[in-house]
Each structure stands twice: as C-alpha cells, then as structure tokens.
Amino acid sequence: MTLDLGLYLVLDPGLCRDRGMVETARLAVAGGATIVQLRDKDADTARLIEAGRALRTALAGSGAMLIVNDDVEAALAIGADGVHVGQDDMDPGEVRRRLGPRALLGLSVETVDAAQRVDPVLVDYAGAGPVFATATKPDHKPPVGFAGLAEIVRACPVPVVAIGGLAAGHADAVRASGAMGMAVVSAICGQADPRAAARAMAQAWQAAVAAGG
C-alpha cells in the first residue's frame, strides 16, 4: 500500500452540510485529494459505518485512501484503509492489534516530545499541527507555525502531514518544513467548488515538491 499524503482531506459534516460528505469527497478526489478521512465526532459507530460505506463506494477505483477517525470498529466494518487517532484517544498499540499489520495507522502529534515518542513499528504517519489556529477544531493545542512544524518533522520517525489552517499558498512553506503533505478541512469542505479547491491545492503541492527536488 503506497502512502501518498500530498493532499489529505478531513471531512467535516457541518461544513459539508449543503453538498454532503460523500459528494464533497468525490469531487475533492477528482481534483487531486489523495486521502479522505471520515471524521464526525457526533456520530456513533452505526452512523460512521453507514457514511463510510457510502464513501468507500463513491471513491472506488479512484486510488484515494479512506481513513476513519478514532473508531476502529467502524473502520473494520467499512473496510477502510486505516484509522487515525489523537494523543488522547486509543493507544496505538491496541489500535494496531485490532487493525492488523496491513491497515494504515495515523497519529496526531502537537509537540516535539510527542513526535519523538511515535513508534514506527505501530504508526505509519503523523498528523502535525496545528500550524495555524483553526475553527474546525476549537480545542486544539497552540499553533506551532512553520518553524515548529519543521521541528516536529525532524523529531518524528514517520512521514508527517501538516494540518491547521492551511491553504494553497502555504504549500512551499509546508514542503520546506519536510512534511510530506497538507491536511485540510475548510479549504475544501463547504467551498462552492470542492473539485476546483482541491485542484488548486494539489497543483500547489506538486509544484512545491518539484521546486524542492
């Protein structure tokens, strides 16, 4: 399983309300999103499974990966590609045991110390940030900025995707930090044209990668 963190879409049911998460994800992937994370803090496992199965059907054949936030049971029932957990969620060792060796496991890290403690035997990638303050996660830790992001990347033994208030214009700085991609919520969810928004971000990221060698 090839891990491409380039443009990582984290779905928000509120921001996606008008168009729906499934259609938003489908358009975003058509525009260049490489990973879609199903995140709905208010949904129970049954609702996540229903949404995830619809997403899996919509993304079939696209090459994009489907990740479920926090809920291992839902991810297994959906047949998702993996699970993403936060520092205060399930223990990565327990998640890996339940997922098996093939599924992807992502872990949020907000500090250098947390990055250093990531176990590459268990974890496939880390989500680092927030780079900037963001309204999509009100309880986030203090923003780390690009300097802090670079420190986290250097300390982390697995590939890092940056998250937190990012837009297409930040691609060069994110790439310069050593991160392997940008994770976004409001930059795509709730936009008038999710495909165009994703395309702009994907192209900016690809240009940043090409410029950086």
N, C-alpha and C. Protein backbone atom coordinates (compact mmCIF):
# COMPACT_ATOMS: atom_id res chain seq x y z
N MET A 1 0.84 -1.20 0.00
CA MET A 1 0.00 0.00 0.00
C MET A 1 0.88 1.25 0.00
N THR A 2 0.80 2.03 -1.07
CA THR A 2 1.61 3.23 -1.20
C THR A 2 0.94 4.39 -0.49
N LEU A 3 1.67 5.04 0.39
CA LEU A 3 1.12 6.14 1.18
C LEU A 3 1.47 7.47 0.51
N ASP A 4 0.45 8.17 0.01
CA ASP A 4 0.62 9.48 -0.60
C ASP A 4 -0.15 10.49 0.24
N LEU A 5 0.57 11.26 1.05
CA LEU A 5 -0.03 12.22 1.96
C LEU A 5 -0.25 13.58 1.32
N GLY A 6 0.04 13.71 0.04
CA GLY A 6 0.07 15.01 -0.63
C GLY A 6 -1.07 15.95 -0.30
N LEU A 7 -2.30 15.51 -0.53
CA LEU A 7 -3.48 16.33 -0.20
C LEU A 7 -4.46 15.45 0.56
N TYR A 8 -4.55 15.69 1.84
CA TYR A 8 -5.29 14.85 2.78
C TYR A 8 -6.53 15.62 3.23
N LEU A 9 -7.69 15.17 2.80
CA LEU A 9 -8.94 15.84 3.15
C LEU A 9 -9.54 15.23 4.41
N VAL A 10 -9.80 16.09 5.41
CA VAL A 10 -10.51 15.67 6.61
C VAL A 10 -11.93 16.21 6.51
N LEU A 11 -12.89 15.31 6.42
CA LEU A 11 -14.28 15.71 6.24
C LEU A 11 -14.87 16.29 7.52
N ASP A 12 -15.69 17.31 7.36
CA ASP A 12 -16.41 17.93 8.46
C ASP A 12 -17.88 17.95 8.08
N PRO A 13 -18.74 17.21 8.81
CA PRO A 13 -20.14 17.12 8.41
C PRO A 13 -20.86 18.45 8.42
N GLY A 14 -20.47 19.36 9.31
CA GLY A 14 -21.09 20.67 9.35
C GLY A 14 -20.75 21.50 8.12
N LEU A 15 -19.47 21.58 7.81
CA LEU A 15 -19.05 22.36 6.65
C LEU A 15 -19.54 21.74 5.34
N CYS A 16 -19.72 20.43 5.35
CA CYS A 16 -20.16 19.73 4.14
C CYS A 16 -21.68 19.62 4.05
N ARG A 17 -22.39 20.31 4.92
CA ARG A 17 -23.83 20.08 5.05
C ARG A 17 -24.59 20.29 3.74
N ASP A 18 -24.29 21.33 3.01
CA ASP A 18 -25.05 21.64 1.80
C ASP A 18 -24.86 20.58 0.71
N ARG A 19 -23.64 20.14 0.53
CA ARG A 19 -23.34 19.20 -0.55
C ARG A 19 -23.29 17.75 -0.07
N GLY A 20 -23.00 17.56 1.20
CA GLY A 20 -22.86 16.22 1.76
C GLY A 20 -21.41 15.77 1.73
N MET A 21 -21.03 14.93 2.69
CA MET A 21 -19.64 14.47 2.78
C MET A 21 -19.24 13.59 1.60
N VAL A 22 -20.15 12.74 1.14
CA VAL A 22 -19.81 11.82 0.07
C VAL A 22 -19.52 12.57 -1.23
N GLU A 23 -20.38 13.50 -1.59
CA GLU A 23 -20.18 14.25 -2.83
C GLU A 23 -18.96 15.18 -2.71
N THR A 24 -18.78 15.78 -1.55
CA THR A 24 -17.60 16.62 -1.33
C THR A 24 -16.33 15.80 -1.51
N ALA A 25 -16.30 14.62 -0.93
CA ALA A 25 -15.13 13.76 -1.05
C ALA A 25 -14.90 13.33 -2.50
N ARG A 26 -15.97 12.97 -3.18
CA ARG A 26 -15.83 12.53 -4.57
C ARG A 26 -15.25 13.64 -5.44
N LEU A 27 -15.74 14.85 -5.27
CA LEU A 27 -15.24 15.98 -6.05
C LEU A 27 -13.80 16.32 -5.67
N ALA A 28 -13.50 16.26 -4.38
CA ALA A 28 -12.14 16.57 -3.93
C ALA A 28 -11.13 15.58 -4.49
N VAL A 29 -11.49 14.32 -4.49
CA VAL A 29 -10.59 13.30 -5.05
C VAL A 29 -10.43 13.50 -6.56
N ALA A 30 -11.50 13.87 -7.23
CA ALA A 30 -11.41 14.18 -8.66
C ALA A 30 -10.46 15.35 -8.90
N GLY A 31 -10.38 16.25 -7.92
CA GLY A 31 -9.48 17.40 -8.03
C GLY A 31 -8.06 17.12 -7.60
N GLY A 32 -7.82 15.99 -6.94
CA GLY A 32 -6.45 15.64 -6.59
C GLY A 32 -6.21 15.23 -5.16
N ALA A 33 -7.25 15.17 -4.33
CA ALA A 33 -7.06 14.68 -2.96
C ALA A 33 -6.64 13.22 -2.98
N THR A 34 -5.66 12.86 -2.18
CA THR A 34 -5.10 11.51 -2.19
C THR A 34 -5.61 10.64 -1.04
N ILE A 35 -6.05 11.29 0.04
CA ILE A 35 -6.58 10.59 1.22
C ILE A 35 -7.81 11.33 1.70
N VAL A 36 -8.82 10.58 2.12
CA VAL A 36 -10.02 11.17 2.71
C VAL A 36 -10.20 10.57 4.10
N GLN A 37 -10.33 11.44 5.09
CA GLN A 37 -10.59 10.97 6.46
C GLN A 37 -12.03 11.28 6.84
N LEU A 38 -12.73 10.25 7.28
CA LEU A 38 -14.08 10.42 7.80
C LEU A 38 -13.98 10.78 9.27
N ARG A 39 -14.32 12.03 9.59
CA ARG A 39 -14.28 12.50 10.98
C ARG A 39 -15.63 13.12 11.34
N ASP A 40 -16.32 12.52 12.26
CA ASP A 40 -17.60 13.04 12.74
C ASP A 40 -17.70 12.72 14.22
N LYS A 41 -17.33 13.68 15.04
CA LYS A 41 -17.25 13.46 16.49
C LYS A 41 -18.62 13.21 17.12
N ASP A 42 -19.69 13.60 16.43
CA ASP A 42 -21.03 13.45 16.99
C ASP A 42 -21.72 12.17 16.56
N ALA A 43 -21.11 11.42 15.64
CA ALA A 43 -21.75 10.22 15.11
C ALA A 43 -21.36 8.99 15.93
N ASP A 44 -22.32 8.09 16.11
CA ASP A 44 -21.98 6.83 16.75
C ASP A 44 -21.42 5.87 15.70
N THR A 45 -21.03 4.69 16.14
CA THR A 45 -20.38 3.74 15.23
C THR A 45 -21.29 3.37 14.06
N ALA A 46 -22.58 3.16 14.33
CA ALA A 46 -23.50 2.77 13.26
C ALA A 46 -23.59 3.84 12.18
N ARG A 47 -23.64 5.11 12.58
CA ARG A 47 -23.71 6.20 11.60
C ARG A 47 -22.40 6.33 10.84
N LEU A 48 -21.28 6.12 11.52
CA LEU A 48 -19.99 6.17 10.83
C LEU A 48 -19.89 5.06 9.79
N ILE A 49 -20.37 3.88 10.14
CA ILE A 49 -20.32 2.77 9.20
C ILE A 49 -21.16 3.08 7.96
N GLU A 50 -22.34 3.62 8.18
CA GLU A 50 -23.21 3.98 7.05
C GLU A 50 -22.53 5.01 6.14
N ALA A 51 -21.98 6.06 6.75
CA ALA A 51 -21.30 7.10 5.97
C ALA A 51 -20.06 6.55 5.30
N GLY A 52 -19.31 5.73 6.02
CA GLY A 52 -18.07 5.19 5.48
C GLY A 52 -18.29 4.25 4.31
N ARG A 53 -19.33 3.46 4.36
CA ARG A 53 -19.61 2.55 3.25
C ARG A 53 -20.02 3.34 2.01
N ALA A 54 -20.77 4.41 2.20
CA ALA A 54 -21.13 5.27 1.07
C ALA A 54 -19.88 5.93 0.49
N LEU A 55 -18.98 6.36 1.35
CA LEU A 55 -17.73 6.96 0.88
C LEU A 55 -16.88 5.94 0.12
N ARG A 56 -16.78 4.74 0.67
CA ARG A 56 -15.97 3.71 0.01
C ARG A 56 -16.50 3.43 -1.39
N THR A 57 -17.82 3.36 -1.54
CA THR A 57 -18.42 3.13 -2.85
C THR A 57 -18.12 4.29 -3.80
N ALA A 58 -18.25 5.52 -3.29
CA ALA A 58 -18.02 6.70 -4.13
C ALA A 58 -16.56 6.83 -4.57
N LEU A 59 -15.64 6.35 -3.74
CA LEU A 59 -14.21 6.50 -4.04
C LEU A 59 -13.62 5.28 -4.72
N ALA A 60 -14.41 4.24 -4.93
CA ALA A 60 -13.91 3.00 -5.53
C ALA A 60 -13.28 3.28 -6.89
N GLY A 61 -12.07 2.77 -7.08
CA GLY A 61 -11.37 2.92 -8.34
C GLY A 61 -10.63 4.23 -8.50
N SER A 62 -10.75 5.12 -7.51
CA SER A 62 -10.09 6.44 -7.63
C SER A 62 -8.62 6.40 -7.22
N GLY A 63 -8.26 5.40 -6.43
CA GLY A 63 -6.89 5.35 -5.90
C GLY A 63 -6.73 6.08 -4.58
N ALA A 64 -7.75 6.86 -4.18
CA ALA A 64 -7.67 7.58 -2.91
C ALA A 64 -7.93 6.62 -1.75
N MET A 65 -7.27 6.87 -0.63
CA MET A 65 -7.45 6.04 0.55
C MET A 65 -8.50 6.63 1.47
N LEU A 66 -9.20 5.75 2.19
CA LEU A 66 -10.22 6.16 3.14
C LEU A 66 -9.77 5.81 4.55
N ILE A 67 -9.69 6.83 5.39
CA ILE A 67 -9.26 6.68 6.78
C ILE A 67 -10.43 7.07 7.69
N VAL A 68 -10.60 6.36 8.79
CA VAL A 68 -11.64 6.68 9.76
C VAL A 68 -11.00 7.25 11.01
N ASN A 69 -11.57 8.34 11.51
CA ASN A 69 -11.04 8.97 12.71
C ASN A 69 -11.54 8.24 13.95
N ASP A 70 -10.61 7.75 14.75
CA ASP A 70 -10.85 7.20 16.09
C ASP A 70 -11.53 5.84 16.18
N ASP A 71 -12.49 5.54 15.33
CA ASP A 71 -13.36 4.38 15.53
C ASP A 71 -12.86 3.15 14.78
N VAL A 72 -12.17 2.26 15.49
CA VAL A 72 -11.61 1.06 14.86
C VAL A 72 -12.70 0.11 14.39
N GLU A 73 -13.75 -0.03 15.22
CA GLU A 73 -14.84 -0.92 14.85
C GLU A 73 -15.49 -0.49 13.54
N ALA A 74 -15.71 0.81 13.40
CA ALA A 74 -16.31 1.33 12.17
C ALA A 74 -15.38 1.10 10.99
N ALA A 75 -14.09 1.36 11.17
CA ALA A 75 -13.13 1.19 10.09
C ALA A 75 -13.11 -0.26 9.59
N LEU A 76 -13.16 -1.20 10.51
CA LEU A 76 -13.14 -2.61 10.13
C LEU A 76 -14.42 -2.98 9.38
N ALA A 77 -15.56 -2.48 9.85
CA ALA A 77 -16.83 -2.79 9.20
C ALA A 77 -16.93 -2.17 7.81
N ILE A 78 -16.33 -1.00 7.66
CA ILE A 78 -16.36 -0.30 6.38
C ILE A 78 -15.41 -0.95 5.37
N GLY A 79 -14.33 -1.54 5.90
CA GLY A 79 -13.26 -1.99 5.02
C GLY A 79 -12.38 -0.83 4.62
N ALA A 80 -12.24 0.15 5.53
CA ALA A 80 -11.43 1.33 5.27
C ALA A 80 -9.95 0.96 5.20
N ASP A 81 -9.16 1.90 4.69
CA ASP A 81 -7.73 1.65 4.56
C ASP A 81 -6.98 1.85 5.86
N GLY A 82 -7.61 2.50 6.83
CA GLY A 82 -6.92 2.69 8.09
C GLY A 82 -7.69 3.55 9.06
N VAL A 83 -7.01 3.91 10.15
CA VAL A 83 -7.58 4.67 11.26
C VAL A 83 -6.60 5.77 11.65
N HIS A 84 -7.15 6.91 12.07
CA HIS A 84 -6.32 7.98 12.62
C HIS A 84 -6.78 8.25 14.04
N VAL A 85 -5.84 8.34 14.97
CA VAL A 85 -6.18 8.60 16.36
C VAL A 85 -5.39 9.79 16.90
N GLY A 86 -5.95 10.41 17.92
CA GLY A 86 -5.27 11.51 18.59
C GLY A 86 -4.49 11.02 19.80
N GLN A 87 -3.78 11.93 20.42
CA GLN A 87 -2.96 11.57 21.58
C GLN A 87 -3.82 11.10 22.76
N ASP A 88 -5.05 11.59 22.85
CA ASP A 88 -5.91 11.24 23.97
C ASP A 88 -6.95 10.18 23.62
N ASP A 89 -6.78 9.55 22.45
CA ASP A 89 -7.72 8.52 22.02
C ASP A 89 -7.14 7.13 22.35
N MET A 90 -7.45 6.14 21.57
CA MET A 90 -6.97 4.78 21.84
C MET A 90 -5.45 4.67 21.76
N ASP A 91 -4.90 3.78 22.53
CA ASP A 91 -3.47 3.51 22.48
C ASP A 91 -3.09 2.94 21.11
N PRO A 92 -2.05 3.48 20.46
CA PRO A 92 -1.68 2.99 19.13
C PRO A 92 -1.40 1.49 19.08
N GLY A 93 -0.85 0.95 20.16
CA GLY A 93 -0.59 -0.49 20.19
C GLY A 93 -1.87 -1.30 20.12
N GLU A 94 -2.89 -0.85 20.84
CA GLU A 94 -4.18 -1.53 20.81
C GLU A 94 -4.86 -1.38 19.45
N VAL A 95 -4.74 -0.18 18.88
CA VAL A 95 -5.31 0.04 17.54
C VAL A 95 -4.65 -0.88 16.53
N ARG A 96 -3.34 -0.96 16.58
CA ARG A 96 -2.61 -1.82 15.63
C ARG A 96 -3.00 -3.28 15.82
N ARG A 97 -3.14 -3.70 17.05
CA ARG A 97 -3.52 -5.09 17.31
C ARG A 97 -4.86 -5.41 16.68
N ARG A 98 -5.80 -4.49 16.82
CA ARG A 98 -7.14 -4.72 16.27
C ARG A 98 -7.19 -4.57 14.76
N LEU A 99 -6.39 -3.67 14.22
CA LEU A 99 -6.41 -3.44 12.77
C LEU A 99 -5.67 -4.52 11.99
N GLY A 100 -4.63 -5.08 12.60
CA GLY A 100 -3.76 -5.99 11.86
C GLY A 100 -2.62 -5.22 11.21
N PRO A 101 -1.70 -5.93 10.57
CA PRO A 101 -0.49 -5.30 10.08
C PRO A 101 -0.64 -4.51 8.78
N ARG A 102 -1.69 -4.72 8.02
CA ARG A 102 -1.79 -4.13 6.69
C ARG A 102 -2.42 -2.74 6.67
N ALA A 103 -3.32 -2.47 7.60
CA ALA A 103 -4.03 -1.19 7.60
C ALA A 103 -3.11 -0.04 8.00
N LEU A 104 -3.46 1.16 7.56
CA LEU A 104 -2.70 2.35 7.92
C LEU A 104 -3.12 2.84 9.30
N LEU A 105 -2.16 3.35 10.03
CA LEU A 105 -2.44 3.95 11.33
C LEU A 105 -1.77 5.31 11.40
N GLY A 106 -2.59 6.35 11.56
CA GLY A 106 -2.07 7.70 11.71
C GLY A 106 -2.25 8.18 13.13
N LEU A 107 -1.36 9.05 13.58
CA LEU A 107 -1.39 9.56 14.96
C LEU A 107 -1.15 11.06 14.95
N SER A 108 -1.99 11.81 15.66
CA SER A 108 -1.80 13.26 15.78
C SER A 108 -0.67 13.56 16.75
N VAL A 109 0.18 14.51 16.38
CA VAL A 109 1.24 14.98 17.29
C VAL A 109 1.25 16.51 17.26
N GLU A 110 1.33 17.10 18.45
CA GLU A 110 1.31 18.56 18.55
C GLU A 110 2.61 19.13 19.08
N THR A 111 3.51 18.25 19.55
CA THR A 111 4.76 18.71 20.15
C THR A 111 5.93 17.85 19.69
N VAL A 112 7.12 18.37 19.88
CA VAL A 112 8.32 17.61 19.55
C VAL A 112 8.41 16.36 20.41
N ASP A 113 8.05 16.49 21.67
CA ASP A 113 8.09 15.33 22.57
C ASP A 113 7.17 14.22 22.08
N ALA A 114 5.96 14.58 21.67
CA ALA A 114 5.03 13.58 21.16
C ALA A 114 5.56 12.95 19.88
N ALA A 115 6.20 13.75 19.05
CA ALA A 115 6.76 13.23 17.80
C ALA A 115 7.87 12.22 18.07
N GLN A 116 8.69 12.54 19.06
CA GLN A 116 9.79 11.63 19.40
C GLN A 116 9.31 10.30 19.93
N ARG A 117 8.11 10.29 20.53
CA ARG A 117 7.58 9.07 21.13
C ARG A 117 6.79 8.20 20.15
N VAL A 118 6.66 8.65 18.91
CA VAL A 118 5.95 7.86 17.90
C VAL A 118 6.72 6.57 17.62
N ASP A 119 6.04 5.44 17.67
CA ASP A 119 6.66 4.14 17.41
C ASP A 119 6.44 3.77 15.94
N PRO A 120 7.49 3.78 15.13
CA PRO A 120 7.33 3.49 13.71
C PRO A 120 6.94 2.05 13.41
N VAL A 121 7.06 1.18 14.39
CA VAL A 121 6.59 -0.19 14.21
C VAL A 121 5.06 -0.23 14.19
N LEU A 122 4.45 0.70 14.91
CA LEU A 122 2.99 0.73 15.02
C LEU A 122 2.35 1.75 14.09
N VAL A 123 2.98 2.91 13.97
CA VAL A 123 2.38 4.07 13.31
C VAL A 123 2.98 4.28 11.92
N ASP A 124 2.11 4.57 10.94
CA ASP A 124 2.57 4.76 9.56
C ASP A 124 2.84 6.22 9.22
N TYR A 125 2.07 7.13 9.81
CA TYR A 125 2.29 8.55 9.54
C TYR A 125 1.77 9.36 10.73
N ALA A 126 2.21 10.61 10.81
CA ALA A 126 1.75 11.50 11.87
C ALA A 126 1.12 12.74 11.26
N GLY A 127 0.07 13.21 11.91
CA GLY A 127 -0.53 14.49 11.55
C GLY A 127 -0.03 15.54 12.51
N ALA A 128 0.69 16.54 12.02
CA ALA A 128 1.36 17.51 12.89
C ALA A 128 0.72 18.88 12.79
N GLY A 129 0.53 19.50 13.95
CA GLY A 129 -0.03 20.83 13.99
C GLY A 129 -0.74 21.09 15.30
N PRO A 130 -1.59 22.10 15.31
CA PRO A 130 -1.97 22.91 14.16
C PRO A 130 -0.88 23.92 13.77
N VAL A 131 -0.70 24.09 12.48
CA VAL A 131 0.26 25.10 12.02
C VAL A 131 -0.28 26.48 12.35
N PHE A 132 -1.56 26.70 12.06
CA PHE A 132 -2.25 27.94 12.42
C PHE A 132 -3.50 27.60 13.24
N ALA A 133 -4.03 28.58 13.92
CA ALA A 133 -5.29 28.38 14.64
C ALA A 133 -6.39 28.08 13.63
N THR A 134 -7.31 27.19 14.01
CA THR A 134 -8.39 26.82 13.11
C THR A 134 -9.68 26.61 13.87
N ALA A 135 -10.77 27.11 13.30
CA ALA A 135 -12.07 26.99 13.94
C ALA A 135 -12.66 25.60 13.81
N THR A 136 -12.09 24.76 12.93
CA THR A 136 -12.66 23.43 12.74
C THR A 136 -12.32 22.48 13.88
N LYS A 137 -11.39 22.88 14.74
CA LYS A 137 -11.07 22.08 15.92
C LYS A 137 -10.79 23.04 17.08
N PRO A 138 -11.86 23.52 17.73
CA PRO A 138 -11.72 24.59 18.73
C PRO A 138 -10.81 24.24 19.91
N ASP A 139 -10.68 22.94 20.23
CA ASP A 139 -9.91 22.54 21.40
C ASP A 139 -8.46 22.21 21.07
N HIS A 140 -7.99 22.70 19.91
CA HIS A 140 -6.62 22.33 19.52
C HIS A 140 -5.57 22.97 20.41
N LYS A 141 -4.38 22.39 20.36
CA LYS A 141 -3.23 22.94 21.09
C LYS A 141 -2.78 24.25 20.42
N PRO A 142 -1.90 25.01 21.08
CA PRO A 142 -1.42 26.26 20.48
C PRO A 142 -0.77 26.02 19.12
N PRO A 143 -0.97 26.93 18.16
CA PRO A 143 -0.37 26.77 16.84
C PRO A 143 1.16 26.69 16.92
N VAL A 144 1.74 25.86 16.05
CA VAL A 144 3.19 25.65 16.08
C VAL A 144 3.91 26.49 15.04
N GLY A 145 3.19 27.01 14.02
CA GLY A 145 3.85 27.75 12.96
C GLY A 145 4.73 26.84 12.12
N PHE A 146 5.36 27.41 11.12
CA PHE A 146 6.19 26.59 10.24
C PHE A 146 7.50 26.18 10.89
N ALA A 147 8.02 27.03 11.78
CA ALA A 147 9.26 26.66 12.50
C ALA A 147 8.99 25.48 13.42
N GLY A 148 7.86 25.54 14.13
CA GLY A 148 7.51 24.42 15.00
C GLY A 148 7.21 23.16 14.22
N LEU A 149 6.56 23.32 13.06
CA LEU A 149 6.29 22.17 12.20
C LEU A 149 7.59 21.49 11.78
N ALA A 150 8.58 22.28 11.39
CA ALA A 150 9.86 21.72 10.98
C ALA A 150 10.53 20.96 12.11
N GLU A 151 10.41 21.47 13.34
CA GLU A 151 11.00 20.77 14.49
C GLU A 151 10.30 19.43 14.73
N ILE A 152 8.98 19.42 14.58
CA ILE A 152 8.23 18.18 14.76
C ILE A 152 8.61 17.18 13.68
N VAL A 153 8.72 17.64 12.45
CA VAL A 153 9.10 16.75 11.34
C VAL A 153 10.46 16.13 11.60
N ARG A 154 11.41 16.94 12.04
CA ARG A 154 12.76 16.42 12.30
C ARG A 154 12.76 15.38 13.42
N ALA A 155 11.87 15.55 14.39
CA ALA A 155 11.84 14.65 15.54
C ALA A 155 11.06 13.37 15.28
N CYS A 156 10.22 13.38 14.25
CA CYS A 156 9.28 12.28 14.04
C CYS A 156 9.89 11.19 13.15
N PRO A 157 9.78 9.93 13.54
CA PRO A 157 10.39 8.84 12.78
C PRO A 157 9.53 8.33 11.62
N VAL A 158 8.35 8.92 11.42
CA VAL A 158 7.48 8.51 10.32
C VAL A 158 7.11 9.74 9.50
N PRO A 159 6.61 9.55 8.27
CA PRO A 159 6.21 10.69 7.45
C PRO A 159 5.16 11.54 8.14
N VAL A 160 5.22 12.84 7.88
CA VAL A 160 4.33 13.80 8.55
C VAL A 160 3.47 14.53 7.52
N VAL A 161 2.18 14.67 7.83
CA VAL A 161 1.29 15.54 7.08
C VAL A 161 0.93 16.71 7.99
N ALA A 162 1.05 17.94 7.46
CA ALA A 162 0.77 19.14 8.26
C ALA A 162 -0.71 19.45 8.23
N ILE A 163 -1.22 20.01 9.33
CA ILE A 163 -2.64 20.36 9.40
C ILE A 163 -2.81 21.62 10.23
N GLY A 164 -3.89 22.37 9.94
CA GLY A 164 -4.22 23.53 10.75
C GLY A 164 -4.21 24.83 9.98
N GLY A 165 -5.35 25.20 9.40
CA GLY A 165 -5.49 26.49 8.74
C GLY A 165 -4.70 26.65 7.46
N LEU A 166 -4.41 25.56 6.78
CA LEU A 166 -3.56 25.62 5.59
C LEU A 166 -4.35 25.91 4.32
N ALA A 167 -3.71 26.62 3.40
CA ALA A 167 -4.28 26.94 2.10
C ALA A 167 -3.23 26.67 1.03
N ALA A 168 -3.63 26.79 -0.23
CA ALA A 168 -2.71 26.50 -1.34
C ALA A 168 -1.43 27.33 -1.27
N GLY A 169 -1.56 28.56 -0.80
CA GLY A 169 -0.39 29.44 -0.73
C GLY A 169 0.64 29.03 0.29
N HIS A 170 0.32 28.05 1.12
CA HIS A 170 1.27 27.58 2.14
C HIS A 170 2.09 26.38 1.68
N ALA A 171 1.85 25.91 0.48
CA ALA A 171 2.48 24.67 0.03
C ALA A 171 4.00 24.71 0.10
N ASP A 172 4.60 25.80 -0.35
CA ASP A 172 6.07 25.89 -0.35
C ASP A 172 6.63 25.81 1.07
N ALA A 173 5.99 26.52 1.99
CA ALA A 173 6.49 26.52 3.38
C ALA A 173 6.29 25.16 4.04
N VAL A 174 5.18 24.51 3.73
CA VAL A 174 4.95 23.18 4.30
C VAL A 174 5.99 22.20 3.76
N ARG A 175 6.24 22.26 2.48
CA ARG A 175 7.23 21.36 1.89
C ARG A 175 8.62 21.65 2.44
N ALA A 176 8.94 22.93 2.63
CA ALA A 176 10.26 23.30 3.16
C ALA A 176 10.46 22.77 4.57
N SER A 177 9.37 22.56 5.29
CA SER A 177 9.47 22.04 6.66
C SER A 177 9.87 20.57 6.68
N GLY A 178 9.72 19.91 5.54
CA GLY A 178 10.00 18.48 5.47
C GLY A 178 8.75 17.61 5.51
N ALA A 179 7.58 18.24 5.69
CA ALA A 179 6.34 17.48 5.70
C ALA A 179 6.07 16.90 4.32
N MET A 180 5.29 15.82 4.30
CA MET A 180 5.03 15.09 3.06
C MET A 180 3.66 15.39 2.49
N GLY A 181 2.96 16.38 3.06
CA GLY A 181 1.66 16.73 2.52
C GLY A 181 0.93 17.71 3.40
N MET A 182 -0.25 18.14 2.91
CA MET A 182 -1.08 19.08 3.63
C MET A 182 -2.45 18.45 3.90
N ALA A 183 -2.89 18.51 5.15
CA ALA A 183 -4.22 18.06 5.51
C ALA A 183 -5.10 19.29 5.70
N VAL A 184 -6.30 19.26 5.11
CA VAL A 184 -7.16 20.43 5.14
C VAL A 184 -8.60 20.03 5.45
N VAL A 185 -9.34 20.97 5.98
CA VAL A 185 -10.77 20.79 6.23
C VAL A 185 -11.52 21.87 5.47
N SER A 186 -11.52 23.10 6.00
CA SER A 186 -12.34 24.17 5.42
C SER A 186 -11.84 24.66 4.06
N ALA A 187 -10.59 24.36 3.72
CA ALA A 187 -10.08 24.77 2.40
C ALA A 187 -10.79 24.02 1.28
N ILE A 188 -11.46 22.91 1.62
CA ILE A 188 -12.23 22.15 0.62
C ILE A 188 -13.68 21.98 1.05
N CYS A 189 -13.92 21.54 2.29
CA CYS A 189 -15.28 21.34 2.78
C CYS A 189 -16.03 22.67 2.82
N GLY A 190 -17.20 22.71 2.23
CA GLY A 190 -18.00 23.92 2.26
C GLY A 190 -17.65 24.93 1.19
N GLN A 191 -16.61 24.65 0.40
CA GLN A 191 -16.28 25.55 -0.70
C GLN A 191 -17.31 25.39 -1.83
N ALA A 192 -17.51 26.45 -2.60
CA ALA A 192 -18.50 26.42 -3.67
C ALA A 192 -18.17 25.34 -4.70
N ASP A 193 -16.88 25.12 -4.93
CA ASP A 193 -16.44 24.11 -5.92
C ASP A 193 -15.32 23.29 -5.29
N PRO A 194 -15.65 22.20 -4.59
CA PRO A 194 -14.62 21.40 -3.92
C PRO A 194 -13.58 20.83 -4.88
N ARG A 195 -14.00 20.50 -6.10
CA ARG A 195 -13.04 19.96 -7.06
C ARG A 195 -11.99 21.01 -7.43
N ALA A 196 -12.46 22.22 -7.71
CA ALA A 196 -11.52 23.29 -8.06
C ALA A 196 -10.62 23.65 -6.88
N ALA A 197 -11.19 23.65 -5.68
CA ALA A 197 -10.39 23.95 -4.49
C ALA A 197 -9.32 22.89 -4.28
N ALA A 198 -9.69 21.64 -4.45
CA ALA A 198 -8.72 20.56 -4.30
C ALA A 198 -7.67 20.62 -5.41
N ARG A 199 -8.10 20.93 -6.61
CA ARG A 199 -7.14 21.00 -7.73
C ARG A 199 -6.10 22.09 -7.47
N ALA A 200 -6.54 23.23 -6.98
CA ALA A 200 -5.61 24.33 -6.71
C ALA A 200 -4.59 23.92 -5.66
N MET A 201 -5.05 23.24 -4.62
CA MET A 201 -4.13 22.80 -3.56
C MET A 201 -3.20 21.71 -4.04
N ALA A 202 -3.74 20.76 -4.81
CA ALA A 202 -2.91 19.67 -5.32
C ALA A 202 -1.83 20.20 -6.26
N GLN A 203 -2.21 21.12 -7.11
CA GLN A 203 -1.23 21.69 -8.04
C GLN A 203 -0.16 22.49 -7.30
N ALA A 204 -0.58 23.24 -6.28
CA ALA A 204 0.39 23.99 -5.49
C ALA A 204 1.36 23.05 -4.79
N TRP A 205 0.84 21.94 -4.26
CA TRP A 205 1.71 20.99 -3.59
C TRP A 205 2.67 20.33 -4.57
N GLN A 206 2.18 19.92 -5.71
CA GLN A 206 3.04 19.28 -6.71
C GLN A 206 4.12 20.23 -7.19
N ALA A 207 3.79 21.51 -7.33
CA ALA A 207 4.78 22.50 -7.73
C ALA A 207 5.83 22.68 -6.63
N ALA A 208 5.39 22.66 -5.37
CA ALA A 208 6.32 22.81 -4.25
C ALA A 208 7.28 21.61 -4.18
N VAL A 209 6.74 20.42 -4.41
CA VAL A 209 7.58 19.22 -4.41
C VAL A 209 8.59 19.28 -5.55
N ALA A 210 8.14 19.70 -6.73
CA ALA A 210 9.03 19.78 -7.89
C ALA A 210 10.13 20.82 -7.67
N ALA A 211 9.77 21.95 -7.06
CA ALA A 211 10.75 23.00 -6.82
C ALA A 211 11.77 22.59 -5.76
N GLY A 212 11.32 21.78 -4.82
CA GLY A 212 12.20 21.37 -3.74
C GLY A 212 13.10 20.20 -4.08
N GLY A 213 12.81 19.53 -5.20
CA GLY A 213 13.62 18.39 -5.61
C GLY A 213 13.27 17.12 -4.87
